[in-house]
């Protein structure tokens, strides 16, 4: 998506379109978490726990998608 217009409304619309895509939302969330902790000490147990929580949520999301496929898209 090329940014060709300088207006807050256009920027808001662009952000909303990007975040409407669930995959993009997860990618942005992971990038934010990594960027937020990039310069912190990764030996800190609190930071590690926060990553583990996100990874668990991702696994739950993945399992929900797989269950949905099995229920609704049987061969």
PDB file of N, CA and C in Angstrom:
ATOM      1  N   UNK A   1       0.838  -1.182   0.000  1.00  0.00           N
ATOM      2  CA  UNK A   1       0.000   0.000   0.000  1.00  0.00           C
ATOM      3  C   UNK A   1       0.881   1.241   0.000  1.00  0.00           C
ATOM      4  N   UNK A   2       0.722   2.003  -1.014  1.00  0.00           N
ATOM      5  CA  UNK A   2       1.528   3.209  -1.133  1.00  0.00           C
ATOM      6  C   UNK A   2       0.828   4.375  -0.441  1.00  0.00           C
ATOM      7  N   UNK A   3       1.599   5.115   0.308  1.00  0.00           N
ATOM      8  CA  UNK A   3       1.052   6.264   1.034  1.00  0.00           C
ATOM      9  C   UNK A   3       1.200   7.493   0.148  1.00  0.00           C
ATOM     10  N   UNK A   4       0.081   7.935  -0.432  1.00  0.00           N
ATOM     11  CA  UNK A   4       0.139   9.055  -1.372  1.00  0.00           C
ATOM     12  C   UNK A   4      -0.646  10.272  -0.908  1.00  0.00           C
ATOM     13  N   UNK A   5      -1.314  10.161   0.214  1.00  0.00           N
ATOM     14  CA  UNK A   5      -2.183  11.233   0.672  1.00  0.00           C
ATOM     15  C   UNK A   5      -1.824  11.600   2.106  1.00  0.00           C
ATOM     16  N   UNK A   6      -1.769  12.883   2.403  1.00  0.00           N
ATOM     17  CA  UNK A   6      -1.418  13.320   3.746  1.00  0.00           C
ATOM     18  C   UNK A   6      -2.654  13.842   4.469  1.00  0.00           C
ATOM     19  N   UNK A   7      -3.371  12.931   5.084  1.00  0.00           N
ATOM     20  CA  UNK A   7      -4.515  13.342   5.894  1.00  0.00           C
ATOM     21  C   UNK A   7      -4.700  12.334   7.015  1.00  0.00           C
ATOM     22  N   UNK A   8      -5.185  12.802   8.127  1.00  0.00           N
ATOM     23  CA  UNK A   8      -5.418  11.906   9.262  1.00  0.00           C
ATOM     24  C   UNK A   8      -6.486  10.877   8.935  1.00  0.00           C
ATOM     25  N   UNK A   9      -7.488  11.275   8.192  1.00  0.00           N
ATOM     26  CA  UNK A   9      -8.564  10.348   7.827  1.00  0.00           C
ATOM     27  C   UNK A   9      -8.027   9.218   6.947  1.00  0.00           C
ATOM     28  N   UNK A  10      -7.183   9.570   5.994  1.00  0.00           N
ATOM     29  CA  UNK A  10      -6.579   8.557   5.133  1.00  0.00           C
ATOM     30  C   UNK A  10      -5.704   7.612   5.961  1.00  0.00           C
ATOM     31  N   UNK A  11      -4.898   8.166   6.853  1.00  0.00           N
ATOM     32  CA  UNK A  11      -4.042   7.344   7.709  1.00  0.00           C
ATOM     33  C   UNK A  11      -4.873   6.413   8.583  1.00  0.00           C
ATOM     34  N   UNK A  12      -5.950   6.930   9.141  1.00  0.00           N
ATOM     35  CA  UNK A  12      -6.834   6.111   9.974  1.00  0.00           C
ATOM     36  C   UNK A  12      -7.421   4.964   9.155  1.00  0.00           C
ATOM     37  N   UNK A  13      -7.873   5.268   7.965  1.00  0.00           N
ATOM     38  CA  UNK A  13      -8.442   4.247   7.084  1.00  0.00           C
ATOM     39  C   UNK A  13      -7.405   3.182   6.734  1.00  0.00           C
ATOM     40  N   UNK A  14      -6.200   3.609   6.445  1.00  0.00           N
ATOM     41  CA  UNK A  14      -5.123   2.680   6.111  1.00  0.00           C
ATOM     42  C   UNK A  14      -4.822   1.747   7.279  1.00  0.00           C
ATOM     43  N   UNK A  15      -4.724   2.290   8.463  1.00  0.00           N
ATOM     44  CA  UNK A  15      -4.460   1.481   9.658  1.00  0.00           C
ATOM     45  C   UNK A  15      -5.595   0.494   9.894  1.00  0.00           C
ATOM     46  N   UNK A  16      -6.825   0.946   9.742  1.00  0.00           N
ATOM     47  CA  UNK A  16      -7.969   0.056   9.950  1.00  0.00           C
ATOM     48  C   UNK A  16      -7.982  -1.083   8.942  1.00  0.00           C
ATOM     49  N   UNK A  17      -7.656  -0.787   7.690  1.00  0.00           N
ATOM     50  CA  UNK A  17      -7.617  -1.847   6.673  1.00  0.00           C
ATOM     51  C   UNK A  17      -6.532  -2.874   6.980  1.00  0.00           C
ATOM     52  N   UNK A  18      -5.389  -2.413   7.420  1.00  0.00           N
ATOM     53  CA  UNK A  18      -4.302  -3.336   7.756  1.00  0.00           C
ATOM     54  C   UNK A  18      -4.693  -4.197   8.951  1.00  0.00           C
ATOM     55  N   UNK A  19      -5.292  -3.585   9.966  1.00  0.00           N
ATOM     56  CA  UNK A  19      -5.642  -4.328  11.176  1.00  0.00           C
ATOM     57  C   UNK A  19      -6.874  -5.202  10.999  1.00  0.00           C
ATOM     58  N   UNK A  20      -7.652  -4.992   9.946  1.00  0.00           N
ATOM     59  CA  UNK A  20      -8.794  -5.866   9.675  1.00  0.00           C
ATOM     60  C   UNK A  20      -8.341  -7.272   9.302  1.00  0.00           C
ATOM     61  N   UNK A  21      -7.168  -7.377   8.742  1.00  0.00           N
ATOM     62  CA  UNK A  21      -6.611  -8.679   8.378  1.00  0.00           C
ATOM     63  C   UNK A  21      -6.026  -9.314   9.638  1.00  0.00           C
ATOM     64  N   UNK A  22      -6.588 -10.450  10.048  1.00  0.00           N
ATOM     65  CA  UNK A  22      -6.180 -11.088  11.298  1.00  0.00           C
ATOM     66  C   UNK A  22      -4.700 -11.462  11.296  1.00  0.00           C
ATOM     67  N   UNK A  23      -4.202 -11.952  10.170  1.00  0.00           N
ATOM     68  CA  UNK A  23      -2.785 -12.315  10.097  1.00  0.00           C
ATOM     69  C   UNK A  23      -1.899 -11.092  10.312  1.00  0.00           C
ATOM     70  N   UNK A  24      -2.269  -9.986   9.682  1.00  0.00           N
ATOM     71  CA  UNK A  24      -1.491  -8.754   9.858  1.00  0.00           C
ATOM     72  C   UNK A  24      -1.539  -8.275  11.300  1.00  0.00           C
ATOM     73  N   UNK A  25      -2.689  -8.428  11.927  1.00  0.00           N
ATOM     74  CA  UNK A  25      -2.827  -8.008  13.322  1.00  0.00           C
ATOM     75  C   UNK A  25      -1.852  -8.792  14.204  1.00  0.00           C
ATOM     76  N   UNK A  26      -1.756 -10.114  13.977  1.00  0.00           N
ATOM     77  CA  UNK A  26      -0.827 -10.927  14.763  1.00  0.00           C
ATOM     78  C   UNK A  26       0.621 -10.557  14.467  1.00  0.00           C
ATOM     79  N   UNK A  27       0.938 -10.323  13.211  1.00  0.00           N
ATOM     80  CA  UNK A  27       2.303  -9.940  12.853  1.00  0.00           C
ATOM     81  C   UNK A  27       2.681  -8.632  13.540  1.00  0.00           C
ATOM     82  N   UNK A  28       1.786  -7.660  13.499  1.00  0.00           N
ATOM     83  CA  UNK A  28       2.059  -6.370  14.140  1.00  0.00           C
ATOM     84  C   UNK A  28       2.214  -6.535  15.641  1.00  0.00           C
ATOM     85  N   UNK A  29       1.371  -7.388  16.238  1.00  0.00           N
ATOM     86  CA  UNK A  29       1.467  -7.615  17.679  1.00  0.00           C
ATOM     87  C   UNK A  29       2.833  -8.209  18.044  1.00  0.00           C
ATOM     88  N   UNK A  30       3.271  -9.230  17.292  1.00  0.00           N
ATOM     89  CA  UNK A  30       4.571  -9.833  17.573  1.00  0.00           C
ATOM     90  C   UNK A  30       5.703  -8.833  17.358  1.00  0.00           C
ATOM     91  N   UNK A  31       5.625  -8.053  16.294  1.00  0.00           N
ATOM     92  CA  UNK A  31       6.663  -7.052  16.043  1.00  0.00           C
ATOM     93  C   UNK A  31       6.718  -6.016  17.152  1.00  0.00           C
ATOM     94  N   UNK A  32       5.554  -5.614  17.637  1.00  0.00           N
ATOM     95  CA  UNK A  32       5.524  -4.643  18.729  1.00  0.00           C
ATOM     96  C   UNK A  32       6.181  -5.218  19.979  1.00  0.00           C
ATOM     97  N   UNK A  33       5.840  -6.451  20.297  1.00  0.00           N
ATOM     98  CA  UNK A  33       6.404  -7.077  21.502  1.00  0.00           C
ATOM     99  C   UNK A  33       7.918  -7.196  21.375  1.00  0.00           C
ATOM    100  N   UNK A  34       8.374  -7.667  20.240  1.00  0.00           N
ATOM    101  CA  UNK A  34       9.815  -7.830  20.037  1.00  0.00           C
ATOM    102  C   UNK A  34      10.513  -6.472  20.074  1.00  0.00           C
ATOM    103  N   UNK A  35       9.945  -5.479  19.390  1.00  0.00           N
ATOM    104  CA  UNK A  35      10.541  -4.136  19.380  1.00  0.00           C
ATOM    105  C   UNK A  35      10.568  -3.538  20.774  1.00  0.00           C
ATOM    106  N   UNK A  36       9.503  -3.763  21.510  1.00  0.00           N
ATOM    107  CA  UNK A  36       9.399  -3.218  22.856  1.00  0.00           C
ATOM    108  C   UNK A  36      10.485  -3.787  23.777  1.00  0.00           C
ATOM    109  N   UNK A  37      10.839  -5.040  23.567  1.00  0.00           N
ATOM    110  CA  UNK A  37      11.799  -5.710  24.443  1.00  0.00           C
ATOM    111  C   UNK A  37      13.192  -5.820  23.838  1.00  0.00           C
ATOM    112  N   UNK A  38      13.381  -5.273  22.661  1.00  0.00           N
ATOM    113  CA  UNK A  38      14.626  -5.471  21.922  1.00  0.00           C
ATOM    114  C   UNK A  38      15.862  -5.098  22.719  1.00  0.00           C
ATOM    115  N   UNK A  39      15.794  -4.002  23.436  1.00  0.00           N
ATOM    116  CA  UNK A  39      16.977  -3.539  24.143  1.00  0.00           C
ATOM    117  C   UNK A  39      16.939  -3.861  25.630  1.00  0.00           C
ATOM    118  N   UNK A  40      16.032  -4.734  26.009  1.00  0.00           N
ATOM    119  CA  UNK A  40      15.955  -5.141  27.412  1.00  0.00           C
ATOM    120  C   UNK A  40      16.732  -6.437  27.600  1.00  0.00           C
ATOM    121  N   UNK A  41      16.981  -6.755  28.834  1.00  0.00           N
ATOM    122  CA  UNK A  41      17.712  -7.972  29.166  1.00  0.00           C
ATOM    123  C   UNK A  41      16.782  -9.171  29.019  1.00  0.00           C
ATOM    124  N   UNK A  42      17.037 -10.028  28.049  1.00  0.00           N
ATOM    125  CA  UNK A  42      16.171 -11.177  27.819  1.00  0.00           C
ATOM    126  C   UNK A  42      16.387 -12.293  28.836  1.00  0.00           C
ATOM    127  N   UNK A  43      17.265 -12.072  29.798  1.00  0.00           N
ATOM    128  CA  UNK A  43      17.398 -13.024  30.903  1.00  0.00           C
ATOM    129  C   UNK A  43      16.402 -12.704  32.007  1.00  0.00           C
ATOM    130  N   UNK A  44      15.708 -11.597  31.879  1.00  0.00           N
ATOM    131  CA  UNK A  44      14.698 -11.186  32.850  1.00  0.00           C
ATOM    132  C   UNK A  44      13.497 -12.125  32.733  1.00  0.00           C
ATOM    133  N   UNK A  45      13.157 -12.795  33.822  1.00  0.00           N
ATOM    134  CA  UNK A  45      12.088 -13.796  33.790  1.00  0.00           C
ATOM    135  C   UNK A  45      10.729 -13.193  33.446  1.00  0.00           C
ATOM    136  N   UNK A  46      10.483 -11.942  33.813  1.00  0.00           N
ATOM    137  CA  UNK A  46       9.198 -11.315  33.488  1.00  0.00           C
ATOM    138  C   UNK A  46       9.032 -11.151  31.974  1.00  0.00           C
ATOM    139  N   UNK A  47      10.103 -10.782  31.303  1.00  0.00           N
ATOM    140  CA  UNK A  47      10.036 -10.633  29.847  1.00  0.00           C
ATOM    141  C   UNK A  47       9.791 -11.992  29.202  1.00  0.00           C
ATOM    142  N   UNK A  48      10.503 -12.998  29.666  1.00  0.00           N
ATOM    143  CA  UNK A  48      10.330 -14.346  29.121  1.00  0.00           C
ATOM    144  C   UNK A  48       8.902 -14.827  29.333  1.00  0.00           C
ATOM    145  N   UNK A  49       8.337 -14.584  30.518  1.00  0.00           N
ATOM    146  CA  UNK A  49       6.955 -14.983  30.796  1.00  0.00           C
ATOM    147  C   UNK A  49       5.981 -14.288  29.852  1.00  0.00           C
ATOM    148  N   UNK A  50       6.226 -13.030  29.551  1.00  0.00           N
ATOM    149  CA  UNK A  50       5.324 -12.315  28.639  1.00  0.00           C
ATOM    150  C   UNK A  50       5.365 -12.936  27.242  1.00  0.00           C
ATOM    151  N   UNK A  51       6.546 -13.345  26.785  1.00  0.00           N
ATOM    152  CA  UNK A  51       6.635 -14.022  25.496  1.00  0.00           C
ATOM    153  C   UNK A  51       5.904 -15.357  25.542  1.00  0.00           C
ATOM    154  N   UNK A  52       6.063 -16.089  26.634  1.00  0.00           N
ATOM    155  CA  UNK A  52       5.395 -17.382  26.750  1.00  0.00           C
ATOM    156  C   UNK A  52       3.881 -17.229  26.701  1.00  0.00           C
ATOM    157  N   UNK A  53       3.346 -16.181  27.331  1.00  0.00           N
ATOM    158  CA  UNK A  53       1.897 -15.942  27.295  1.00  0.00           C
ATOM    159  C   UNK A  53       1.425 -15.692  25.872  1.00  0.00           C
ATOM    160  N   UNK A  54       2.169 -14.919  25.120  1.00  0.00           N
ATOM    161  CA  UNK A  54       1.783 -14.639  23.736  1.00  0.00           C
ATOM    162  C   UNK A  54       1.869 -15.904  22.900  1.00  0.00           C
ATOM    163  N   UNK A  55       2.908 -16.684  23.099  1.00  0.00           N
ATOM    164  CA  UNK A  55       3.060 -17.928  22.347  1.00  0.00           C
ATOM    165  C   UNK A  55       1.914 -18.879  22.666  1.00  0.00           C
ATOM    166  N   UNK A  56       1.502 -18.949  23.930  1.00  0.00           N
ATOM    167  CA  UNK A  56       0.370 -19.789  24.315  1.00  0.00           C
ATOM    168  C   UNK A  56      -0.891 -19.301  23.611  1.00  0.00           C
ATOM    169  N   UNK A  57      -1.128 -17.998  23.592  1.00  0.00           N
ATOM    170  CA  UNK A  57      -2.301 -17.456  22.905  1.00  0.00           C
ATOM    171  C   UNK A  57      -2.272 -17.809  21.427  1.00  0.00           C
ATOM    172  N   UNK A  58      -1.101 -17.734  20.820  1.00  0.00           N
ATOM    173  CA  UNK A  58      -0.983 -18.069  19.409  1.00  0.00           C
ATOM    174  C   UNK A  58      -1.316 -19.535  19.180  1.00  0.00           C
ATOM    175  N   UNK A  59      -0.874 -20.402  20.072  1.00  0.00           N
ATOM    176  CA  UNK A  59      -1.163 -21.831  19.951  1.00  0.00           C
ATOM    177  C   UNK A  59      -2.662 -22.088  20.087  1.00  0.00           C
ATOM    178  N   UNK A  60      -3.311 -21.389  21.010  1.00  0.00           N
ATOM    179  CA  UNK A  60      -4.758 -21.517  21.170  1.00  0.00           C
ATOM    180  C   UNK A  60      -5.460 -21.067  19.890  1.00  0.00           C
ATOM    181  N   UNK A  61      -5.036 -19.942  19.341  1.00  0.00           N
ATOM    182  CA  UNK A  61      -5.632 -19.442  18.096  1.00  0.00           C
ATOM    183  C   UNK A  61      -5.451 -20.457  16.975  1.00  0.00           C
ATOM    184  N   UNK A  62      -4.253 -21.001  16.844  1.00  0.00           N
ATOM    185  CA  UNK A  62      -3.981 -21.979  15.793  1.00  0.00           C
ATOM    186  C   UNK A  62      -4.863 -23.210  15.966  1.00  0.00           C
ATOM    187  N   UNK A  63      -5.001 -23.698  17.192  1.00  0.00           N
ATOM    188  CA  UNK A  63      -5.845 -24.865  17.440  1.00  0.00           C
ATOM    189  C   UNK A  63      -7.309 -24.571  17.136  1.00  0.00           C
ATOM    190  N   UNK A  64      -7.773 -23.368  17.455  1.00  0.00           N
ATOM    191  CA  UNK A  64      -9.155 -22.998  17.135  1.00  0.00           C
ATOM    192  C   UNK A  64      -9.392 -23.009  15.628  1.00  0.00           C
ATOM    193  N   UNK A  65      -8.438 -22.515  14.873  1.00  0.00           N
ATOM    194  CA  UNK A  65      -8.567 -22.513  13.414  1.00  0.00           C
ATOM    195  C   UNK A  65      -8.589 -23.941  12.885  1.00  0.00           C
ATOM    196  N   UNK A  66      -7.703 -24.785  13.395  1.00  0.00           N
ATOM    197  CA  UNK A  66      -7.676 -26.176  12.942  1.00  0.00           C
ATOM    198  C   UNK A  66      -8.976 -26.893  13.277  1.00  0.00           C
ATOM    199  N   UNK A  67      -9.519 -26.659  14.468  1.00  0.00           N
ATOM    200  CA  UNK A  67     -10.804 -27.258  14.852  1.00  0.00           C
ATOM    201  C   UNK A  67     -11.919 -26.790  13.923  1.00  0.00           C
ATOM    202  N   UNK A  68     -11.928 -25.504  13.617  1.00  0.00           N
ATOM    203  CA  UNK A  68     -12.942 -24.958  12.714  1.00  0.00           C
ATOM    204  C   UNK A  68     -12.853 -25.625  11.343  1.00  0.00           C
ATOM    205  N   UNK A  69     -11.644 -25.793  10.823  1.00  0.00           N
ATOM    206  CA  UNK A  69     -11.475 -26.446   9.528  1.00  0.00           C
ATOM    207  C   UNK A  69     -11.999 -27.871   9.560  1.00  0.00           C
ATOM    208  N   UNK A  70     -11.665 -28.607  10.628  1.00  0.00           N
ATOM    209  CA  UNK A  70     -12.099 -29.999  10.728  1.00  0.00           C
ATOM    210  C   UNK A  70     -13.618 -30.110  10.814  1.00  0.00           C
ATOM    211  N   UNK A  71     -14.255 -29.185  11.527  1.00  0.00           N
ATOM    212  CA  UNK A  71     -15.709 -29.231  11.690  1.00  0.00           C
ATOM    213  C   UNK A  71     -16.444 -28.809  10.422  1.00  0.00           C
ATOM    214  N   UNK A  72     -15.947 -27.802   9.735  1.00  0.00           N
ATOM    215  CA  UNK A  72     -16.697 -27.207   8.628  1.00  0.00           C
ATOM    216  C   UNK A  72     -16.208 -27.583   7.236  1.00  0.00           C
ATOM    217  N   UNK A  73     -15.011 -28.101   7.137  1.00  0.00           N
ATOM    218  CA  UNK A  73     -14.459 -28.412   5.823  1.00  0.00           C
ATOM    219  C   UNK A  73     -13.987 -29.856   5.769  1.00  0.00           C
ATOM    220  N   UNK A  74     -14.891 -30.774   6.099  1.00  0.00           N
ATOM    221  CA  UNK A  74     -14.542 -32.199   6.078  1.00  0.00           C
ATOM    222  C   UNK A  74     -14.341 -32.647   4.637  1.00  0.00           C
ATOM    223  N   UNK A  75     -13.413 -33.578   4.444  1.00  0.00           N
ATOM    224  CA  UNK A  75     -13.143 -34.101   3.088  1.00  0.00           C
ATOM    225  C   UNK A  75     -14.299 -34.929   2.603  1.00  0.00           C
TER     226      UNK A  75
END
